Amino acid sequence: MGIPGSGLAKGLAVTLRTMTRRSHTAQYPEVQPELPPRSRGVIALFEENCTVCMLCARECPDWCIYIDSHKETVPATAPGGRERSRNVLDRFAIDFSLCMYCGICIEVCPFDALFWSPEFEYAETDILELTHERDKLREWMWTVPAPPPLDPAAEEPKELGAARKAAEKAAAAAAAAQGEAGTGREQPGGEA
């Protein structure tokens, strides 16, 4: 056992230490906080990239993403071709009263249609108003920061190297074909 009253003395010592420090009060509404880069606020939608594949809604553990679409027939691009059908997005909504900000929907999106936005001021007085439709999600897209620059010392992605080699090979083949076509021409001024 320790000395009687030692716990009280330790508590008072902590109190005295904190009383002598200068307090730091965040003047929040007037002064915006300095957010860390790539912080998670809300989920923004880049509607042009959405193909209505429904992966985000299927993988969401809270089932807070609501998507409605309809099929539209696209005419053939070439004569004699066949018509194609595609999904057209009618409704894309996220219920932020259910969302737990896990980011699974952003990770599984194969077409980069969902992004983290650092926007965090979207409080509502009614919980039913926390379901934000695609217009609001599209507005948040403009607050998404640019991706961080690539490390200059990093290794080039294999896809870029393969694409560059294929482009160089195609350019060399085109130059060779052009050279052969230039030497095979008849000279003007022949027999009339």
N, C-alpha and C. Protein backbone atom coordinates (compact mmCIF):
# COMPACT_ATOMS: atom_id res chain seq x y z
N MET A 1 0.83 -1.18 0.00
CA MET A 1 0.00 0.00 0.00
C MET A 1 0.87 1.23 0.00
N GLY A 2 0.36 2.26 -0.62
CA GLY A 2 1.12 3.50 -0.70
C GLY A 2 0.73 4.44 0.42
N ILE A 3 1.26 5.58 0.35
CA ILE A 3 0.98 6.63 1.33
C ILE A 3 -0.45 7.10 1.14
N PRO A 4 -1.20 7.27 2.25
CA PRO A 4 -2.58 7.73 2.10
C PRO A 4 -2.61 9.13 1.47
N GLY A 5 -3.47 9.30 0.47
CA GLY A 5 -3.62 10.60 -0.18
C GLY A 5 -2.68 10.81 -1.36
N SER A 6 -1.87 9.79 -1.72
CA SER A 6 -0.94 9.97 -2.84
C SER A 6 -1.69 10.08 -4.17
N GLY A 7 -2.81 9.39 -4.32
CA GLY A 7 -3.62 9.49 -5.55
C GLY A 7 -4.16 10.89 -5.72
N LEU A 8 -4.60 11.49 -4.61
CA LEU A 8 -5.11 12.86 -4.66
C LEU A 8 -4.00 13.82 -5.04
N ALA A 9 -2.81 13.62 -4.52
CA ALA A 9 -1.69 14.49 -4.83
C ALA A 9 -1.32 14.39 -6.31
N LYS A 10 -1.32 13.16 -6.87
CA LYS A 10 -1.03 12.98 -8.29
C LYS A 10 -2.07 13.68 -9.15
N GLY A 11 -3.33 13.56 -8.77
CA GLY A 11 -4.40 14.22 -9.53
C GLY A 11 -4.26 15.72 -9.49
N LEU A 12 -3.94 16.27 -8.32
CA LEU A 12 -3.76 17.73 -8.21
C LEU A 12 -2.54 18.19 -9.01
N ALA A 13 -1.49 17.35 -9.08
CA ALA A 13 -0.30 17.71 -9.86
C ALA A 13 -0.65 17.82 -11.34
N VAL A 14 -1.45 16.90 -11.83
CA VAL A 14 -1.90 16.97 -13.24
C VAL A 14 -2.72 18.22 -13.46
N THR A 15 -3.60 18.54 -12.54
CA THR A 15 -4.43 19.74 -12.67
C THR A 15 -3.57 20.99 -12.70
N LEU A 16 -2.59 21.08 -11.81
CA LEU A 16 -1.73 22.26 -11.79
C LEU A 16 -0.91 22.37 -13.07
N ARG A 17 -0.43 21.27 -13.60
CA ARG A 17 0.34 21.31 -14.85
C ARG A 17 -0.51 21.84 -16.00
N THR A 18 -1.72 21.37 -16.12
CA THR A 18 -2.57 21.80 -17.23
C THR A 18 -3.08 23.22 -17.03
N MET A 19 -3.18 23.68 -15.80
CA MET A 19 -3.62 25.06 -15.54
C MET A 19 -2.58 26.07 -16.00
N THR A 20 -1.32 25.68 -15.97
CA THR A 20 -0.28 26.63 -16.35
C THR A 20 -0.06 26.69 -17.86
N ARG A 21 -0.55 25.71 -18.60
CA ARG A 21 -0.40 25.72 -20.06
C ARG A 21 -1.42 26.66 -20.69
N ARG A 22 -1.02 27.20 -21.85
CA ARG A 22 -1.93 28.08 -22.58
C ARG A 22 -2.99 27.21 -23.28
N SER A 23 -4.23 27.61 -23.17
CA SER A 23 -5.29 26.81 -23.79
C SER A 23 -5.36 27.11 -25.28
N HIS A 24 -5.77 26.09 -26.01
CA HIS A 24 -5.90 26.23 -27.46
C HIS A 24 -7.37 26.00 -27.82
N THR A 25 -8.03 27.05 -28.23
CA THR A 25 -9.43 26.96 -28.60
C THR A 25 -9.53 27.11 -30.10
N ALA A 26 -10.16 26.16 -30.75
CA ALA A 26 -10.35 26.22 -32.20
C ALA A 26 -11.59 27.07 -32.47
N GLN A 27 -11.41 28.15 -33.18
CA GLN A 27 -12.51 29.04 -33.55
C GLN A 27 -13.15 28.50 -34.82
N TYR A 28 -13.85 27.36 -34.68
CA TYR A 28 -14.24 26.56 -35.84
C TYR A 28 -15.07 27.28 -36.90
N PRO A 29 -16.20 27.84 -36.63
CA PRO A 29 -16.95 28.33 -37.81
C PRO A 29 -16.22 29.44 -38.56
N GLU A 30 -15.50 30.29 -37.84
CA GLU A 30 -14.81 31.39 -38.49
C GLU A 30 -13.51 30.93 -39.15
N VAL A 31 -12.78 30.04 -38.49
CA VAL A 31 -11.50 29.56 -39.00
C VAL A 31 -11.66 28.08 -39.34
N GLN A 32 -11.48 27.76 -40.63
CA GLN A 32 -11.62 26.38 -41.05
C GLN A 32 -10.41 25.57 -40.58
N PRO A 33 -10.62 24.33 -40.18
CA PRO A 33 -9.50 23.51 -39.72
C PRO A 33 -8.58 23.12 -40.87
N GLU A 34 -7.33 22.88 -40.56
CA GLU A 34 -6.34 22.41 -41.54
C GLU A 34 -6.49 20.90 -41.64
N LEU A 35 -7.08 20.44 -42.72
CA LEU A 35 -7.34 19.01 -42.89
C LEU A 35 -6.11 18.32 -43.46
N PRO A 36 -5.86 17.09 -43.04
CA PRO A 36 -4.75 16.34 -43.64
C PRO A 36 -5.06 16.02 -45.09
N PRO A 37 -4.04 15.83 -45.91
CA PRO A 37 -4.30 15.51 -47.32
C PRO A 37 -5.03 14.18 -47.44
N ARG A 38 -5.92 14.11 -48.44
CA ARG A 38 -6.70 12.91 -48.73
C ARG A 38 -7.57 12.48 -47.54
N SER A 39 -8.07 13.45 -46.77
CA SER A 39 -8.93 13.10 -45.64
C SER A 39 -10.30 12.64 -46.14
N ARG A 40 -10.97 11.83 -45.33
CA ARG A 40 -12.27 11.29 -45.71
C ARG A 40 -13.38 12.18 -45.17
N GLY A 41 -14.12 12.76 -46.07
CA GLY A 41 -15.27 13.57 -45.68
C GLY A 41 -16.54 12.90 -46.16
N VAL A 42 -16.89 13.17 -47.42
CA VAL A 42 -18.06 12.54 -48.03
C VAL A 42 -17.63 11.86 -49.32
N ILE A 43 -18.55 11.13 -49.91
CA ILE A 43 -18.26 10.42 -51.15
C ILE A 43 -18.83 11.23 -52.30
N ALA A 44 -17.96 11.56 -53.25
CA ALA A 44 -18.36 12.34 -54.42
C ALA A 44 -18.53 11.41 -55.61
N LEU A 45 -19.43 11.78 -56.53
CA LEU A 45 -19.75 10.96 -57.69
C LEU A 45 -19.33 11.67 -58.97
N PHE A 46 -18.52 10.99 -59.79
CA PHE A 46 -18.19 11.47 -61.14
C PHE A 46 -19.10 10.70 -62.08
N GLU A 47 -20.25 11.29 -62.36
CA GLU A 47 -21.36 10.60 -63.01
C GLU A 47 -21.01 10.09 -64.41
N GLU A 48 -20.14 10.78 -65.12
CA GLU A 48 -19.79 10.37 -66.48
C GLU A 48 -19.09 9.01 -66.50
N ASN A 49 -18.42 8.64 -65.42
CA ASN A 49 -17.71 7.36 -65.37
C ASN A 49 -18.59 6.21 -64.89
N CYS A 50 -19.76 6.50 -64.34
CA CYS A 50 -20.61 5.45 -63.78
C CYS A 50 -21.28 4.67 -64.91
N THR A 51 -21.11 3.34 -64.88
CA THR A 51 -21.73 2.46 -65.88
C THR A 51 -22.89 1.67 -65.30
N VAL A 52 -23.31 2.00 -64.11
CA VAL A 52 -24.39 1.33 -63.41
C VAL A 52 -24.11 -0.16 -63.29
N CYS A 53 -22.89 -0.50 -62.92
CA CYS A 53 -22.53 -1.91 -62.74
C CYS A 53 -23.02 -2.43 -61.39
N MET A 54 -23.40 -1.54 -60.49
CA MET A 54 -23.97 -1.88 -59.19
C MET A 54 -22.99 -2.52 -58.22
N LEU A 55 -21.70 -2.54 -58.51
CA LEU A 55 -20.73 -3.13 -57.60
C LEU A 55 -20.69 -2.39 -56.27
N CYS A 56 -20.75 -1.05 -56.33
CA CYS A 56 -20.68 -0.28 -55.09
C CYS A 56 -21.86 -0.60 -54.17
N ALA A 57 -23.06 -0.69 -54.75
CA ALA A 57 -24.25 -0.98 -53.94
C ALA A 57 -24.21 -2.41 -53.39
N ARG A 58 -23.69 -3.35 -54.19
CA ARG A 58 -23.63 -4.73 -53.74
C ARG A 58 -22.61 -4.95 -52.64
N GLU A 59 -21.49 -4.25 -52.71
CA GLU A 59 -20.42 -4.46 -51.74
C GLU A 59 -20.57 -3.62 -50.48
N CYS A 60 -21.47 -2.66 -50.47
CA CYS A 60 -21.66 -1.79 -49.31
C CYS A 60 -22.18 -2.60 -48.13
N PRO A 61 -21.44 -2.64 -47.00
CA PRO A 61 -21.90 -3.43 -45.85
C PRO A 61 -23.14 -2.85 -45.18
N ASP A 62 -23.41 -1.57 -45.38
CA ASP A 62 -24.57 -0.93 -44.75
C ASP A 62 -25.76 -0.81 -45.69
N TRP A 63 -25.58 -1.17 -46.96
CA TRP A 63 -26.65 -1.04 -47.96
C TRP A 63 -27.20 0.38 -47.99
N CYS A 64 -26.31 1.36 -48.02
CA CYS A 64 -26.75 2.75 -47.99
C CYS A 64 -26.67 3.43 -49.35
N ILE A 65 -26.34 2.69 -50.41
CA ILE A 65 -26.27 3.25 -51.76
C ILE A 65 -27.48 2.76 -52.54
N TYR A 66 -28.21 3.72 -53.12
CA TYR A 66 -29.42 3.40 -53.87
C TYR A 66 -29.20 3.80 -55.33
N ILE A 67 -29.35 2.84 -56.24
CA ILE A 67 -29.12 3.10 -57.66
C ILE A 67 -30.34 2.62 -58.44
N ASP A 68 -30.85 3.48 -59.33
CA ASP A 68 -31.91 3.12 -60.26
C ASP A 68 -31.41 3.43 -61.66
N SER A 69 -31.78 2.58 -62.62
CA SER A 69 -31.35 2.80 -64.00
C SER A 69 -32.38 2.21 -64.95
N HIS A 70 -32.21 2.53 -66.21
CA HIS A 70 -33.03 1.91 -67.25
C HIS A 70 -32.14 1.59 -68.44
N LYS A 71 -32.59 0.64 -69.26
CA LYS A 71 -31.82 0.26 -70.45
C LYS A 71 -32.23 1.14 -71.62
N GLU A 72 -31.22 1.50 -72.40
CA GLU A 72 -31.43 2.34 -73.56
C GLU A 72 -30.76 1.66 -74.76
N THR A 73 -31.41 1.68 -75.91
CA THR A 73 -30.85 1.06 -77.10
C THR A 73 -30.01 2.08 -77.86
N VAL A 74 -28.79 1.68 -78.18
CA VAL A 74 -27.87 2.54 -78.93
C VAL A 74 -27.82 2.02 -80.35
N PRO A 75 -28.04 2.91 -81.34
CA PRO A 75 -28.02 2.42 -82.73
C PRO A 75 -26.63 1.92 -83.12
N ALA A 76 -26.60 1.13 -84.17
CA ALA A 76 -25.34 0.55 -84.65
C ALA A 76 -24.41 1.65 -85.13
N THR A 77 -23.13 1.50 -84.86
CA THR A 77 -22.16 2.51 -85.28
C THR A 77 -21.76 2.35 -86.74
N ALA A 78 -21.79 1.13 -87.24
CA ALA A 78 -21.44 0.87 -88.64
C ALA A 78 -22.67 0.31 -89.36
N PRO A 79 -22.78 0.57 -90.65
CA PRO A 79 -23.92 0.00 -91.40
C PRO A 79 -23.85 -1.53 -91.36
N GLY A 80 -24.97 -2.13 -91.11
CA GLY A 80 -25.04 -3.58 -91.02
C GLY A 80 -24.70 -4.11 -89.64
N GLY A 81 -24.31 -3.24 -88.74
CA GLY A 81 -23.99 -3.64 -87.37
C GLY A 81 -25.25 -3.85 -86.55
N ARG A 82 -25.08 -4.32 -85.35
CA ARG A 82 -26.27 -4.56 -84.53
C ARG A 82 -26.39 -3.48 -83.45
N GLU A 83 -27.62 -3.28 -83.04
CA GLU A 83 -27.88 -2.32 -81.97
C GLU A 83 -27.37 -2.87 -80.66
N ARG A 84 -27.01 -1.99 -79.78
CA ARG A 84 -26.53 -2.39 -78.46
C ARG A 84 -27.41 -1.72 -77.41
N SER A 85 -27.43 -2.32 -76.23
CA SER A 85 -28.17 -1.68 -75.14
C SER A 85 -27.18 -1.31 -74.04
N ARG A 86 -27.48 -0.24 -73.36
CA ARG A 86 -26.62 0.20 -72.26
C ARG A 86 -27.49 0.71 -71.12
N ASN A 87 -26.95 0.65 -69.92
CA ASN A 87 -27.67 1.14 -68.76
C ASN A 87 -27.47 2.64 -68.63
N VAL A 88 -28.56 3.33 -68.31
CA VAL A 88 -28.51 4.77 -68.11
C VAL A 88 -28.88 5.04 -66.66
N LEU A 89 -28.07 5.82 -65.99
CA LEU A 89 -28.26 6.13 -64.57
C LEU A 89 -29.44 7.07 -64.38
N ASP A 90 -30.43 6.65 -63.58
CA ASP A 90 -31.57 7.50 -63.25
C ASP A 90 -31.40 8.12 -61.86
N ARG A 91 -30.96 7.30 -60.92
CA ARG A 91 -30.82 7.78 -59.54
C ARG A 91 -29.58 7.15 -58.92
N PHE A 92 -28.80 7.98 -58.25
CA PHE A 92 -27.66 7.51 -57.46
C PHE A 92 -27.72 8.31 -56.17
N ALA A 93 -27.98 7.64 -55.06
CA ALA A 93 -28.11 8.33 -53.78
C ALA A 93 -27.34 7.55 -52.72
N ILE A 94 -26.80 8.30 -51.77
CA ILE A 94 -26.11 7.70 -50.63
C ILE A 94 -26.76 8.23 -49.36
N ASP A 95 -27.15 7.33 -48.48
CA ASP A 95 -27.73 7.71 -47.20
C ASP A 95 -26.59 7.83 -46.19
N PHE A 96 -26.17 9.06 -45.91
CA PHE A 96 -25.05 9.28 -45.01
C PHE A 96 -25.41 9.09 -43.54
N SER A 97 -26.70 8.87 -43.24
CA SER A 97 -27.06 8.51 -41.87
C SER A 97 -26.73 7.04 -41.60
N LEU A 98 -26.60 6.24 -42.65
CA LEU A 98 -26.24 4.83 -42.51
C LEU A 98 -24.77 4.57 -42.82
N CYS A 99 -24.18 5.40 -43.67
CA CYS A 99 -22.81 5.19 -44.15
C CYS A 99 -21.82 5.19 -42.99
N MET A 100 -20.89 4.23 -43.00
CA MET A 100 -19.87 4.19 -41.95
C MET A 100 -18.50 4.61 -42.48
N TYR A 101 -18.47 5.17 -43.71
CA TYR A 101 -17.25 5.75 -44.30
C TYR A 101 -16.11 4.74 -44.38
N CYS A 102 -16.44 3.52 -44.75
CA CYS A 102 -15.41 2.48 -44.86
C CYS A 102 -14.64 2.60 -46.16
N GLY A 103 -15.25 3.15 -47.21
CA GLY A 103 -14.57 3.34 -48.48
C GLY A 103 -14.57 2.11 -49.37
N ILE A 104 -15.32 1.09 -49.03
CA ILE A 104 -15.35 -0.10 -49.87
C ILE A 104 -15.93 0.22 -51.23
N CYS A 105 -16.95 1.07 -51.29
CA CYS A 105 -17.57 1.43 -52.56
C CYS A 105 -16.56 2.11 -53.49
N ILE A 106 -15.70 2.92 -52.94
CA ILE A 106 -14.70 3.63 -53.74
C ILE A 106 -13.65 2.64 -54.24
N GLU A 107 -13.29 1.70 -53.39
CA GLU A 107 -12.26 0.73 -53.77
C GLU A 107 -12.74 -0.24 -54.86
N VAL A 108 -14.02 -0.65 -54.80
CA VAL A 108 -14.49 -1.66 -55.76
C VAL A 108 -14.94 -1.05 -57.08
N CYS A 109 -15.09 0.25 -57.17
CA CYS A 109 -15.56 0.87 -58.41
C CYS A 109 -14.50 0.70 -59.50
N PRO A 110 -14.81 -0.08 -60.55
CA PRO A 110 -13.80 -0.35 -61.58
C PRO A 110 -13.59 0.81 -62.55
N PHE A 111 -14.46 1.81 -62.52
CA PHE A 111 -14.40 2.89 -63.51
C PHE A 111 -14.09 4.25 -62.89
N ASP A 112 -13.64 4.27 -61.64
CA ASP A 112 -13.30 5.52 -60.94
C ASP A 112 -14.44 6.54 -61.01
N ALA A 113 -15.61 6.13 -60.55
CA ALA A 113 -16.75 7.04 -60.51
C ALA A 113 -16.96 7.61 -59.12
N LEU A 114 -16.37 7.01 -58.08
CA LEU A 114 -16.53 7.47 -56.71
C LEU A 114 -15.18 7.91 -56.13
N PHE A 115 -15.21 9.02 -55.38
CA PHE A 115 -13.99 9.58 -54.80
C PHE A 115 -14.27 10.09 -53.40
N TRP A 116 -13.22 10.18 -52.58
CA TRP A 116 -13.34 10.81 -51.28
C TRP A 116 -13.23 12.32 -51.47
N SER A 117 -14.13 13.05 -50.85
CA SER A 117 -14.06 14.50 -50.82
C SER A 117 -13.79 14.93 -49.38
N PRO A 118 -12.96 15.95 -49.17
CA PRO A 118 -12.70 16.37 -47.79
C PRO A 118 -13.84 17.18 -47.18
N GLU A 119 -14.90 17.38 -47.90
CA GLU A 119 -16.04 18.16 -47.41
C GLU A 119 -16.67 17.44 -46.21
N PHE A 120 -16.84 18.15 -45.12
CA PHE A 120 -17.40 17.51 -43.93
C PHE A 120 -18.56 18.31 -43.34
N GLU A 121 -18.88 19.45 -43.89
CA GLU A 121 -19.97 20.28 -43.35
C GLU A 121 -21.26 20.00 -44.11
N TYR A 122 -21.93 18.96 -43.75
CA TYR A 122 -23.20 18.62 -44.41
C TYR A 122 -24.25 18.19 -43.39
N ALA A 123 -24.18 18.74 -42.20
CA ALA A 123 -25.13 18.39 -41.15
C ALA A 123 -26.54 18.85 -41.53
N GLU A 124 -27.50 18.10 -41.11
CA GLU A 124 -28.91 18.41 -41.36
C GLU A 124 -29.68 18.35 -40.06
N THR A 125 -30.79 19.03 -40.01
CA THR A 125 -31.62 19.00 -38.79
C THR A 125 -32.54 17.79 -38.78
N ASP A 126 -32.82 17.23 -39.97
CA ASP A 126 -33.68 16.06 -40.07
C ASP A 126 -32.87 14.90 -40.65
N ILE A 127 -32.94 13.74 -40.04
CA ILE A 127 -32.14 12.59 -40.49
C ILE A 127 -32.54 12.15 -41.89
N LEU A 128 -33.76 12.41 -42.31
CA LEU A 128 -34.20 12.02 -43.64
C LEU A 128 -33.51 12.84 -44.73
N GLU A 129 -32.99 14.00 -44.38
CA GLU A 129 -32.31 14.85 -45.36
C GLU A 129 -30.85 14.46 -45.55
N LEU A 130 -30.37 13.44 -44.85
CA LEU A 130 -29.00 12.98 -45.02
C LEU A 130 -28.84 12.02 -46.20
N THR A 131 -29.92 11.72 -46.90
CA THR A 131 -29.83 10.95 -48.13
C THR A 131 -29.60 11.94 -49.25
N HIS A 132 -28.38 11.94 -49.78
CA HIS A 132 -28.00 12.92 -50.81
C HIS A 132 -28.07 12.28 -52.18
N GLU A 133 -28.74 12.97 -53.09
CA GLU A 133 -28.93 12.48 -54.45
C GLU A 133 -27.72 12.83 -55.31
N ARG A 134 -27.75 12.39 -56.57
CA ARG A 134 -26.58 12.52 -57.43
C ARG A 134 -26.20 13.96 -57.73
N ASP A 135 -27.14 14.90 -57.68
CA ASP A 135 -26.80 16.30 -57.91
C ASP A 135 -25.86 16.82 -56.83
N LYS A 136 -26.17 16.49 -55.59
CA LYS A 136 -25.31 16.91 -54.47
C LYS A 136 -23.97 16.18 -54.51
N LEU A 137 -24.00 14.89 -54.83
CA LEU A 137 -22.76 14.11 -54.92
C LEU A 137 -21.87 14.64 -56.05
N ARG A 138 -22.48 15.11 -57.14
CA ARG A 138 -21.72 15.68 -58.25
C ARG A 138 -21.09 17.01 -57.84
N GLU A 139 -21.80 17.81 -57.06
CA GLU A 139 -21.24 19.08 -56.57
C GLU A 139 -19.98 18.85 -55.74
N TRP A 140 -19.96 17.80 -54.94
CA TRP A 140 -18.81 17.50 -54.10
C TRP A 140 -17.60 17.05 -54.92
N MET A 141 -17.83 16.65 -56.17
CA MET A 141 -16.72 16.20 -57.02
C MET A 141 -15.70 17.31 -57.21
N TRP A 142 -16.14 18.57 -57.20
CA TRP A 142 -15.23 19.69 -57.43
C TRP A 142 -14.36 19.97 -56.21
N THR A 143 -14.66 19.35 -55.07
CA THR A 143 -13.82 19.54 -53.88
C THR A 143 -12.80 18.43 -53.71
N VAL A 144 -12.82 17.44 -54.59
CA VAL A 144 -11.87 16.32 -54.50
C VAL A 144 -10.48 16.83 -54.88
N PRO A 145 -9.49 16.64 -54.02
CA PRO A 145 -8.14 17.11 -54.37
C PRO A 145 -7.51 16.26 -55.47
N ALA A 146 -6.55 16.86 -56.16
CA ALA A 146 -5.83 16.12 -57.19
C ALA A 146 -5.02 15.01 -56.55
N PRO A 147 -4.81 13.92 -57.25
CA PRO A 147 -4.02 12.84 -56.67
C PRO A 147 -2.58 13.31 -56.41
N PRO A 148 -1.91 12.73 -55.43
CA PRO A 148 -0.54 13.14 -55.15
C PRO A 148 0.36 12.82 -56.33
N PRO A 149 1.40 13.62 -56.55
CA PRO A 149 2.28 13.35 -57.69
C PRO A 149 3.02 12.02 -57.50
N LEU A 150 3.34 11.41 -58.62
CA LEU A 150 4.06 10.15 -58.57
C LEU A 150 5.49 10.39 -58.10
N ASP A 151 6.04 9.42 -57.46
CA ASP A 151 7.42 9.49 -56.99
C ASP A 151 8.33 9.41 -58.22
N PRO A 152 9.20 10.42 -58.43
CA PRO A 152 10.05 10.38 -59.62
C PRO A 152 11.03 9.20 -59.63
N ALA A 153 11.35 8.67 -58.47
CA ALA A 153 12.27 7.54 -58.40
C ALA A 153 11.56 6.19 -58.52
N ALA A 154 10.22 6.23 -58.64
CA ALA A 154 9.45 4.98 -58.71
C ALA A 154 9.64 4.30 -60.06
N GLU A 155 9.43 3.02 -60.06
CA GLU A 155 9.53 2.23 -61.28
C GLU A 155 8.30 2.51 -62.15
N GLU A 156 8.48 2.57 -63.46
CA GLU A 156 7.38 2.82 -64.38
C GLU A 156 6.42 1.63 -64.36
N PRO A 157 5.10 1.88 -64.36
CA PRO A 157 4.16 0.77 -64.41
C PRO A 157 4.36 -0.09 -65.66
N LYS A 158 4.17 -1.39 -65.52
CA LYS A 158 4.38 -2.32 -66.63
C LYS A 158 3.45 -2.02 -67.80
N GLU A 159 2.24 -1.56 -67.50
CA GLU A 159 1.28 -1.26 -68.56
C GLU A 159 1.78 -0.14 -69.45
N LEU A 160 2.37 0.91 -68.83
CA LEU A 160 2.87 2.04 -69.62
C LEU A 160 4.05 1.62 -70.49
N GLY A 161 4.94 0.80 -69.94
CA GLY A 161 6.07 0.32 -70.73
C GLY A 161 5.62 -0.51 -71.91
N ALA A 162 4.65 -1.39 -71.70
CA ALA A 162 4.13 -2.23 -72.79
C ALA A 162 3.43 -1.38 -73.84
N ALA A 163 2.68 -0.38 -73.42
CA ALA A 163 1.99 0.50 -74.37
C ALA A 163 3.01 1.32 -75.17
N ARG A 164 4.07 1.78 -74.52
CA ARG A 164 5.09 2.56 -75.21
C ARG A 164 5.80 1.70 -76.26
N LYS A 165 6.13 0.43 -75.90
CA LYS A 165 6.79 -0.46 -76.86
C LYS A 165 5.89 -0.75 -78.05
N ALA A 166 4.60 -0.97 -77.79
CA ALA A 166 3.66 -1.24 -78.87
C ALA A 166 3.52 -0.02 -79.79
N ALA A 167 3.51 1.18 -79.22
CA ALA A 167 3.40 2.40 -80.02
C ALA A 167 4.67 2.60 -80.86
N GLU A 168 5.84 2.32 -80.29
CA GLU A 168 7.09 2.46 -81.03
C GLU A 168 7.16 1.44 -82.17
N LYS A 169 6.69 0.22 -81.91
CA LYS A 169 6.69 -0.82 -82.94
C LYS A 169 5.74 -0.44 -84.08
N ALA A 170 4.56 0.10 -83.73
CA ALA A 170 3.60 0.52 -84.76
C ALA A 170 4.14 1.69 -85.57
N ALA A 171 4.82 2.63 -84.90
CA ALA A 171 5.41 3.77 -85.61
C ALA A 171 6.51 3.32 -86.54
N ALA A 172 7.33 2.35 -86.12
CA ALA A 172 8.40 1.84 -86.97
C ALA A 172 7.82 1.11 -88.18
N ALA A 173 6.75 0.35 -87.98
CA ALA A 173 6.11 -0.37 -89.09
C ALA A 173 5.50 0.63 -90.07
N ALA A 174 4.90 1.68 -89.58
CA ALA A 174 4.31 2.71 -90.45
C ALA A 174 5.39 3.43 -91.24
N ALA A 175 6.52 3.73 -90.58
CA ALA A 175 7.62 4.41 -91.27
C ALA A 175 8.21 3.50 -92.34
N ALA A 176 8.33 2.20 -92.06
CA ALA A 176 8.85 1.26 -93.05
C ALA A 176 7.90 1.14 -94.23
N ALA A 177 6.61 1.09 -93.97
CA ALA A 177 5.62 1.01 -95.05
C ALA A 177 5.64 2.27 -95.89
N GLN A 178 5.84 3.41 -95.27
CA GLN A 178 5.90 4.68 -95.99
C GLN A 178 7.16 4.73 -96.85
N GLY A 179 8.27 4.21 -96.33
CA GLY A 179 9.52 4.19 -97.08
C GLY A 179 9.42 3.29 -98.30
N GLU A 180 8.78 2.14 -98.16
CA GLU A 180 8.60 1.22 -99.29
C GLU A 180 7.68 1.82 -100.33
N ALA A 181 6.64 2.53 -99.90
CA ALA A 181 5.71 3.13 -100.84
C ALA A 181 6.39 4.26 -101.60
N GLY A 182 7.33 4.97 -100.97
CA GLY A 182 8.03 6.07 -101.62
C GLY A 182 9.00 5.59 -102.68
N THR A 183 9.66 4.45 -102.51
CA THR A 183 10.63 3.95 -103.49
C THR A 183 9.95 3.21 -104.64
N GLY A 184 8.77 2.76 -104.48
CA GLY A 184 8.08 2.00 -105.51
C GLY A 184 7.30 2.86 -106.49
N ARG A 185 7.30 4.18 -106.37
CA ARG A 185 6.54 5.06 -107.26
C ARG A 185 7.23 5.16 -108.62
N GLU A 186 6.41 5.34 -109.66
CA GLU A 186 6.98 5.56 -110.99
C GLU A 186 7.41 7.00 -111.12
N GLN A 187 8.47 7.24 -111.85
CA GLN A 187 8.97 8.58 -112.06
C GLN A 187 8.10 9.28 -113.10
N PRO A 188 7.74 10.56 -112.85
CA PRO A 188 6.96 11.28 -113.84
C PRO A 188 7.82 11.56 -115.08
N GLY A 189 7.18 11.73 -116.21
CA GLY A 189 7.90 12.06 -117.45
C GLY A 189 8.24 10.82 -118.25
N GLY A 190 7.55 9.73 -118.04
CA GLY A 190 7.81 8.50 -118.78
C GLY A 190 7.19 8.60 -120.17
N GLU A 191 6.91 7.46 -120.80
CA GLU A 191 6.32 7.43 -122.14
C GLU A 191 4.93 7.98 -122.10
N ALA A 192 4.54 8.67 -123.17
CA ALA A 192 3.25 9.29 -123.26
C ALA A 192 2.33 8.54 -124.17
